[in-house]
Amino acid sequence: MISKITTALHAFFFFVAMLCANAQSSTQVSNFEDWLLPANSYVNGSASPMVDTGFADGSCYFPTFFDSSFGGLWDRGYALTNMVDTIHPDYTNLYGCAAGKGYNGSNNYISVQPFSYLLTYSKLKVLPFPTGSNNKGRFDGMYVTNSFYAYSSMKNGDFLETKFGDSTGNRPDYFELIARGYLNGNLKNDSATFYLADYRFADNSQDYIIKNWTWFNCENLGIVDSVYFEMRSSRNGQFGMNTPAFFAIDDVSISYGTESVAEIIDNNITVYPNPAKDMLTINTTDITNATASLNSIDGHIVSQYKIASSPETFDISGIAKGLYLLEIKSNAGIITRKFLKE
């Protein structure tokens, strides 16, 4: 179990660091390395079942719940772990990741089970900065990888499903992670999407299952006070998703700073849905004389739009699938959003 002395020291240094940090600009990273765990172990809330036994690290609070029903089970949330098990491919290995270690070879990371069998979600909480004109955090993103359990299920199949792609490799399977932000208790319109596995390519050589730590950019969520994660898979059954609903995270990054003109613009512009398939809506609250330019990642203009009213909806069905930069210009300035066309 986590050392009580370590817990107290960690809380103290976290508090001091937050007070001493520059109130005008700061980035806090939750890397979990201050916690002392026995080798190859985890903390999943089993010491105090039926209550939230989460913890703070960096500038985030990570809840976790252990249910005493059915003989006891980790119900949902964020389990602190340093498991290196890349041998056992099934439900006996809920806390190991496909990479085998934390990001950049570190010891500790987090195993995430975002929702319970009752579909109750766990929200990661972004703690407020103690001083400064803007004490709420911007969720920059985090490193993610598959749990070894989910990775093995997709790679080789299990008792519920065949392997991703099936024997031909042609089945368009996917395993999707979606981040959604809340601010002041309200769900924001924007979301961020990351594919933990994607077999939807016409060229099967491009199919992949994430095994190494990979950056999940969540900047478009903007300023938030909590974040929750959804998971979707092409493999579903009578009781929901057949792909094991677990993933791993490390080095969660939150930025704080004085609210600039760009941030004010950002807070008054929403783009949804993201990703989108046929129609894209841009809402420019309190922003006038706006135009939008949809650019490829290499900077070429794909399409341009005049935002005459708000909200304004545009047909994007003719645009090729892929990642784009949506640049919105107005009398107040310019804001850029990453946008995924499905």
Protein backbone atom coordinates (compact mmCIF):
# COMPACT_ATOMS: atom_id res chain seq x y z
CA MET A 1 0.00 0.00 0.00
CA ILE A 2 1.10 3.64 -0.38
CA SER A 3 3.28 4.86 2.49
CA LYS A 4 1.33 7.21 4.79
CA ILE A 5 4.45 9.32 5.24
CA THR A 6 4.85 9.56 1.49
CA THR A 7 1.20 10.54 1.14
CA ALA A 8 1.56 13.34 3.67
CA LEU A 9 4.80 14.62 2.16
CA HIS A 10 3.35 14.51 -1.33
CA ALA A 11 0.31 16.53 -0.25
CA PHE A 12 2.58 19.08 1.46
CA PHE A 13 4.94 19.54 -1.48
CA PHE A 14 1.99 19.69 -3.90
CA PHE A 15 0.50 22.54 -1.82
CA VAL A 16 3.82 24.41 -1.59
CA ALA A 17 4.48 24.01 -5.31
CA MET A 18 1.07 25.37 -6.19
CA LEU A 19 1.55 28.42 -3.94
CA CYS A 20 5.06 29.17 -5.19
CA ALA A 21 4.36 28.71 -8.89
CA ASN A 22 4.08 31.76 -11.10
CA ALA A 23 0.47 32.87 -10.91
CA GLN A 24 0.62 34.38 -14.40
CA SER A 25 1.74 31.27 -16.26
CA SER A 26 2.26 27.69 -15.17
CA THR A 27 2.06 24.16 -16.48
CA GLN A 28 1.46 21.36 -13.99
CA VAL A 29 2.21 17.75 -14.95
CA SER A 30 0.87 14.72 -13.07
CA ASN A 31 3.56 12.06 -13.49
CA PHE A 32 2.83 9.99 -10.33
CA GLU A 33 6.50 9.40 -9.55
CA ASP A 34 6.35 10.78 -5.98
CA TRP A 35 4.29 7.83 -4.80
CA LEU A 36 6.19 4.87 -3.32
CA LEU A 37 4.60 1.57 -4.30
CA PRO A 38 5.93 -1.93 -3.69
CA ALA A 39 7.31 -3.40 -6.89
CA ASN A 40 4.71 -4.70 -9.36
CA SER A 41 1.69 -3.52 -7.38
CA TYR A 42 -1.32 -1.22 -7.62
CA VAL A 43 -3.80 0.75 -5.50
CA ASN A 44 -7.43 0.33 -6.56
CA GLY A 45 -9.44 1.48 -3.52
CA SER A 46 -9.96 -1.99 -2.06
CA ALA A 47 -8.78 -0.78 1.37
CA SER A 48 -11.92 1.39 1.67
CA PRO A 49 -14.67 -0.02 -0.56
CA MET A 50 -17.83 1.83 -1.58
CA VAL A 51 -16.27 5.31 -1.23
CA ASP A 52 -14.03 7.45 -3.40
CA THR A 53 -10.42 6.70 -2.42
CA GLY A 54 -8.77 8.81 -5.09
CA PHE A 55 -5.72 11.04 -4.80
CA ALA A 56 -4.24 14.32 -6.05
CA ASP A 57 -1.12 14.53 -8.19
CA GLY A 58 0.15 17.54 -10.10
CA SER A 59 -2.95 19.68 -10.44
CA CYS A 60 -5.49 16.87 -10.90
CA TYR A 61 -7.58 14.71 -8.61
CA PHE A 62 -8.03 11.10 -9.73
CA PRO A 63 -11.05 9.34 -8.17
CA THR A 64 -11.31 5.57 -7.82
CA PHE A 65 -14.01 3.25 -6.50
CA PHE A 66 -13.95 -0.34 -5.29
CA ASP A 67 -17.28 -2.17 -5.04
CA SER A 68 -17.62 -4.77 -2.28
CA SER A 69 -20.39 -6.56 -4.21
CA PHE A 70 -19.80 -9.89 -5.97
CA GLY A 71 -16.83 -10.66 -3.75
CA GLY A 72 -15.25 -7.26 -4.42
CA LEU A 73 -14.16 -5.61 -7.69
CA TRP A 74 -12.52 -2.44 -8.94
CA ASP A 75 -15.62 -0.66 -10.14
CA ARG A 76 -14.30 2.44 -11.95
CA GLY A 77 -11.78 5.24 -11.82
CA TYR A 78 -8.02 5.67 -11.76
CA ALA A 79 -5.81 3.02 -10.19
CA LEU A 80 -2.22 3.96 -9.39
CA THR A 81 0.05 1.17 -10.66
CA ASN A 82 3.61 0.13 -11.47
CA MET A 83 2.69 -3.26 -12.91
CA VAL A 84 5.07 -4.59 -15.57
CA ASP A 85 2.98 -7.65 -16.50
CA THR A 86 2.94 -8.15 -20.27
CA ILE A 87 2.40 -11.90 -19.97
CA HIS A 88 -1.14 -12.47 -18.67
CA PRO A 89 -3.55 -11.37 -21.43
CA ASP A 90 -6.89 -11.57 -19.62
CA TYR A 91 -9.00 -10.10 -16.79
CA THR A 92 -6.42 -11.21 -14.21
CA ASN A 93 -4.25 -8.35 -15.51
CA LEU A 94 -6.34 -5.18 -15.19
CA TYR A 95 -3.49 -2.92 -14.09
CA GLY A 96 -0.70 -3.58 -16.61
CA CYS A 97 -0.18 -1.54 -19.77
CA ALA A 98 0.89 -2.64 -23.24
CA ALA A 99 4.10 -0.59 -22.97
CA GLY A 100 5.15 -2.53 -19.85
CA LYS A 101 6.31 0.61 -17.98
CA GLY A 102 5.27 4.22 -17.47
CA TYR A 103 5.92 6.92 -20.04
CA ASN A 104 9.62 7.34 -20.89
CA GLY A 105 10.48 4.23 -18.85
CA SER A 106 9.15 5.65 -15.57
CA ASN A 107 7.82 3.43 -12.79
CA ASN A 108 4.32 4.69 -12.00
CA TYR A 109 1.35 5.34 -14.23
CA ILE A 110 -2.44 5.12 -14.06
CA SER A 111 -4.74 2.34 -15.22
CA VAL A 112 -8.17 3.75 -16.11
CA GLN A 113 -11.56 2.09 -16.08
CA PRO A 114 -13.75 5.05 -17.09
CA PHE A 115 -17.15 3.61 -16.25
CA SER A 116 -18.70 0.85 -14.20
CA TYR A 117 -21.05 -1.93 -15.19
CA LEU A 118 -23.83 0.49 -14.19
CA LEU A 119 -22.44 3.00 -16.77
CA THR A 120 -21.49 5.39 -14.00
CA TYR A 121 -18.67 7.65 -15.19
CA SER A 122 -15.64 8.81 -13.20
CA LYS A 123 -14.51 12.38 -13.80
CA LEU A 124 -10.90 13.43 -13.52
CA LYS A 125 -10.99 16.73 -11.62
CA VAL A 126 -8.78 19.70 -12.54
CA LEU A 127 -7.85 21.57 -9.36
CA PRO A 128 -8.02 25.40 -9.38
CA PHE A 129 -4.83 27.42 -9.28
CA PRO A 130 -4.71 29.11 -5.83
CA THR A 131 -3.81 32.60 -7.04
CA GLY A 132 -3.93 34.67 -10.20
CA SER A 133 -6.57 36.21 -12.42
CA ASN A 134 -7.39 32.90 -14.06
CA ASN A 135 -7.39 30.04 -11.58
CA LYS A 136 -8.97 27.43 -13.84
CA GLY A 137 -6.87 25.01 -15.86
CA ARG A 138 -6.65 24.27 -19.57
CA PHE A 139 -6.49 20.52 -20.22
CA ASP A 140 -3.52 20.18 -22.60
CA GLY A 141 -3.52 16.39 -22.86
CA MET A 142 -1.67 13.30 -21.65
CA TYR A 143 0.26 10.26 -22.81
CA VAL A 144 -1.91 7.19 -23.36
CA THR A 145 -1.51 3.55 -24.28
CA ASN A 146 -3.64 0.44 -24.22
CA SER A 147 -3.98 -1.75 -21.19
CA PHE A 148 -2.29 -5.07 -21.83
CA TYR A 149 -5.68 -6.74 -21.37
CA ALA A 150 -7.32 -4.69 -24.15
CA TYR A 151 -4.22 -4.90 -26.35
CA SER A 152 -4.16 -8.70 -26.13
CA SER A 153 -7.89 -8.98 -26.81
CA MET A 154 -7.60 -6.89 -29.98
CA LYS A 155 -4.31 -8.43 -31.14
CA ASN A 156 -5.12 -12.11 -30.64
CA GLY A 157 -8.84 -12.38 -29.83
CA ASP A 158 -10.40 -13.84 -26.69
CA PHE A 159 -13.41 -15.87 -25.56
CA LEU A 160 -15.79 -13.10 -26.72
CA GLU A 161 -14.29 -11.97 -30.02
CA THR A 162 -11.85 -12.84 -32.79
CA LYS A 163 -8.83 -10.60 -33.25
CA PHE A 164 -9.27 -7.14 -34.78
CA GLY A 165 -9.57 -7.31 -38.55
CA ASP A 166 -10.54 -11.00 -38.37
CA SER A 167 -8.49 -13.57 -40.27
CA THR A 168 -8.56 -11.53 -43.48
CA GLY A 169 -7.53 -8.25 -41.87
CA ASN A 170 -10.35 -6.54 -43.76
CA ARG A 171 -12.87 -6.01 -40.99
CA PRO A 172 -12.93 -2.23 -40.20
CA ASP A 173 -12.50 -2.49 -36.44
CA TYR A 174 -11.66 0.41 -34.12
CA PHE A 175 -11.22 1.19 -30.41
CA GLU A 176 -11.89 4.84 -29.65
CA LEU A 177 -11.16 7.02 -26.60
CA ILE A 178 -13.14 10.26 -26.26
CA ALA A 179 -12.41 13.04 -23.74
CA ARG A 180 -15.16 15.48 -22.78
CA GLY A 181 -14.78 18.51 -20.52
CA TYR A 182 -17.01 20.17 -17.94
CA LEU A 183 -16.86 23.77 -16.79
CA ASN A 184 -18.94 25.04 -13.86
CA GLY A 185 -21.00 21.86 -13.98
CA ASN A 186 -21.88 22.20 -17.66
CA LEU A 187 -20.75 19.79 -20.39
CA LYS A 188 -18.79 21.65 -23.07
CA ASN A 189 -19.51 21.13 -26.76
CA ASP A 190 -16.02 20.21 -27.88
CA SER A 191 -14.50 16.77 -27.45
CA ALA A 192 -11.12 15.19 -28.20
CA THR A 193 -10.75 11.77 -29.82
CA PHE A 194 -7.89 9.27 -29.83
CA TYR A 195 -7.89 5.88 -31.57
CA LEU A 196 -6.31 3.19 -29.40
CA ALA A 197 -6.71 0.89 -32.41
CA ASP A 198 -7.82 1.54 -35.98
CA TYR A 199 -8.33 -1.09 -38.70
CA ARG A 200 -10.51 1.04 -40.98
CA PHE A 201 -7.83 1.78 -43.60
CA ALA A 202 -8.22 0.54 -47.18
CA ASP A 203 -4.55 -0.41 -46.99
CA ASN A 204 -4.29 -3.06 -44.25
CA SER A 205 -0.62 -2.23 -43.69
CA GLN A 206 -1.76 1.01 -42.04
CA ASP A 207 -3.89 -0.79 -39.43
CA TYR A 208 -2.58 -0.41 -35.89
CA ILE A 209 -3.10 -1.12 -32.19
CA ILE A 210 -1.38 1.36 -29.87
CA LYS A 211 1.35 -0.31 -27.80
CA ASN A 212 3.75 2.53 -26.97
CA TRP A 213 2.99 5.72 -25.06
CA THR A 214 1.46 8.28 -27.43
CA TRP A 215 0.45 11.89 -26.86
CA PHE A 216 -3.31 12.54 -26.76
CA ASN A 217 -3.84 16.25 -27.55
CA CYS A 218 -6.87 17.62 -25.68
CA GLU A 219 -6.19 21.36 -26.06
CA ASN A 220 -9.49 21.96 -27.83
CA LEU A 221 -11.36 21.12 -24.60
CA GLY A 222 -10.12 24.49 -23.36
CA ILE A 223 -10.58 25.56 -19.75
CA VAL A 224 -12.25 22.84 -17.67
CA ASP A 225 -12.81 21.86 -14.08
CA SER A 226 -13.32 18.15 -14.82
CA VAL A 227 -12.92 15.65 -17.66
CA TYR A 228 -14.54 12.31 -18.28
CA PHE A 229 -13.70 9.64 -20.82
CA GLU A 230 -15.87 7.49 -23.04
CA MET A 231 -14.78 4.40 -24.96
CA ARG A 232 -16.29 3.00 -28.15
CA SER A 233 -15.48 -0.12 -30.10
CA SER A 234 -16.59 -1.85 -33.26
CA ARG A 235 -16.86 -5.04 -31.19
CA ASN A 236 -20.11 -5.01 -29.22
CA GLY A 237 -22.46 -7.62 -27.81
CA GLN A 238 -25.72 -7.98 -25.92
CA PHE A 239 -24.30 -6.29 -22.81
CA GLY A 240 -22.32 -3.54 -24.50
CA MET A 241 -18.72 -3.28 -25.66
CA ASN A 242 -16.81 -6.58 -25.92
CA THR A 243 -13.38 -4.91 -26.11
CA PRO A 244 -12.08 -4.56 -22.51
CA ALA A 245 -12.84 -0.99 -21.38
CA PHE A 246 -9.43 -0.13 -19.92
CA PHE A 247 -6.55 2.13 -20.93
CA ALA A 248 -3.48 3.70 -19.29
CA ILE A 249 -2.36 7.32 -18.86
CA ASP A 250 0.75 9.17 -17.73
CA ASP A 251 2.12 12.74 -17.62
CA VAL A 252 -1.23 14.55 -17.57
CA SER A 253 -0.60 18.21 -18.44
CA ILE A 254 -2.66 21.21 -17.24
CA SER A 255 -1.85 24.84 -18.12
CA TYR A 256 -2.77 27.95 -16.17
CA GLY A 257 -2.26 31.58 -17.12
CA THR A 258 -3.68 35.07 -17.26
CA GLU A 259 -6.68 35.14 -19.58
CA SER A 260 -5.46 36.68 -22.82
CA VAL A 261 -7.46 38.04 -25.76
CA ALA A 262 -6.95 34.70 -27.54
CA GLU A 263 -8.39 32.84 -24.54
CA ILE A 264 -11.40 35.16 -24.45
CA ILE A 265 -12.00 34.42 -28.14
CA ASP A 266 -11.50 30.71 -27.48
CA ASN A 267 -14.09 30.75 -24.71
CA ASN A 268 -16.63 32.38 -27.05
CA ILE A 269 -16.19 29.99 -29.97
CA THR A 270 -17.44 26.42 -30.05
CA VAL A 271 -17.04 23.98 -32.93
CA TYR A 272 -19.08 20.79 -32.97
CA PRO A 273 -19.29 17.93 -33.45
CA ASN A 274 -15.61 17.06 -33.44
CA PRO A 275 -15.00 14.67 -35.08
CA ALA A 276 -17.73 15.29 -37.68
CA LYS A 277 -18.91 13.39 -40.72
CA ASP A 278 -21.33 15.49 -42.80
CA MET A 279 -22.15 18.78 -41.04
CA LEU A 280 -20.01 21.14 -38.93
CA THR A 281 -21.46 23.85 -36.68
CA ILE A 282 -19.55 26.95 -35.55
CA ASN A 283 -21.00 29.03 -32.71
CA THR A 284 -19.37 32.46 -32.31
CA THR A 285 -21.00 33.92 -29.20
CA ASP A 286 -20.24 37.66 -28.85
CA ILE A 287 -17.92 37.48 -31.88
CA THR A 288 -18.75 39.41 -35.09
CA ASN A 289 -17.46 39.59 -38.69
CA ALA A 290 -16.04 36.07 -38.54
CA THR A 291 -14.72 33.80 -41.28
CA ALA A 292 -13.41 30.25 -41.10
CA SER A 293 -10.72 28.52 -43.11
CA LEU A 294 -10.33 24.75 -43.11
CA ASN A 295 -6.67 23.96 -43.74
CA SER A 296 -4.78 20.73 -44.20
CA ILE A 297 -2.08 19.92 -41.65
CA ASP A 298 0.59 21.06 -44.14
CA GLY A 299 -1.09 24.48 -44.43
CA HIS A 300 -3.08 24.23 -47.69
CA ILE A 301 -6.56 25.80 -47.71
CA VAL A 302 -9.23 23.13 -48.27
CA SER A 303 -12.35 25.24 -47.83
CA GLN A 304 -13.42 28.69 -46.59
CA TYR A 305 -16.65 29.83 -44.94
CA LYS A 306 -18.36 33.11 -44.10
CA ILE A 307 -19.95 33.06 -40.64
CA ALA A 308 -22.94 35.35 -41.16
CA SER A 309 -24.93 34.25 -38.10
CA SER A 310 -24.44 32.16 -34.99
CA PRO A 311 -24.63 29.25 -34.87
CA GLU A 312 -23.73 28.61 -38.51
CA THR A 313 -23.76 25.06 -39.98
CA PHE A 314 -21.68 24.01 -43.00
CA ASP A 315 -21.81 20.94 -45.25
CA ILE A 316 -18.44 19.13 -45.10
CA SER A 317 -19.56 15.82 -46.61
CA GLY A 318 -17.39 16.37 -49.68
CA ILE A 319 -14.15 16.81 -47.75
CA ALA A 320 -11.75 13.90 -47.45
CA LYS A 321 -11.34 12.14 -44.11
CA GLY A 322 -8.45 13.29 -41.98
CA LEU A 323 -7.11 15.83 -39.49
CA TYR A 324 -7.45 19.53 -40.32
CA LEU A 325 -6.74 22.93 -38.77
CA LEU A 326 -9.82 25.14 -38.54
CA GLU A 327 -8.73 28.80 -38.40
CA ILE A 328 -11.44 31.24 -37.30
CA LYS A 329 -10.81 34.98 -37.86
CA SER A 330 -12.94 37.76 -36.39
CA ASN A 331 -12.72 41.40 -35.37
CA ALA A 332 -11.36 40.18 -32.02
CA GLY A 333 -8.52 38.07 -33.36
CA ILE A 334 -7.69 34.55 -34.60
CA ILE A 335 -8.21 31.16 -32.96
CA THR A 336 -7.18 27.78 -34.38
CA ARG A 337 -8.73 24.41 -33.62
CA LYS A 338 -7.72 20.93 -34.64
CA PHE A 339 -10.61 19.17 -36.37
CA LEU A 340 -11.13 15.54 -37.42
CA LYS A 341 -13.27 14.72 -40.46
CA GLU A 342 -14.63 11.17 -40.31
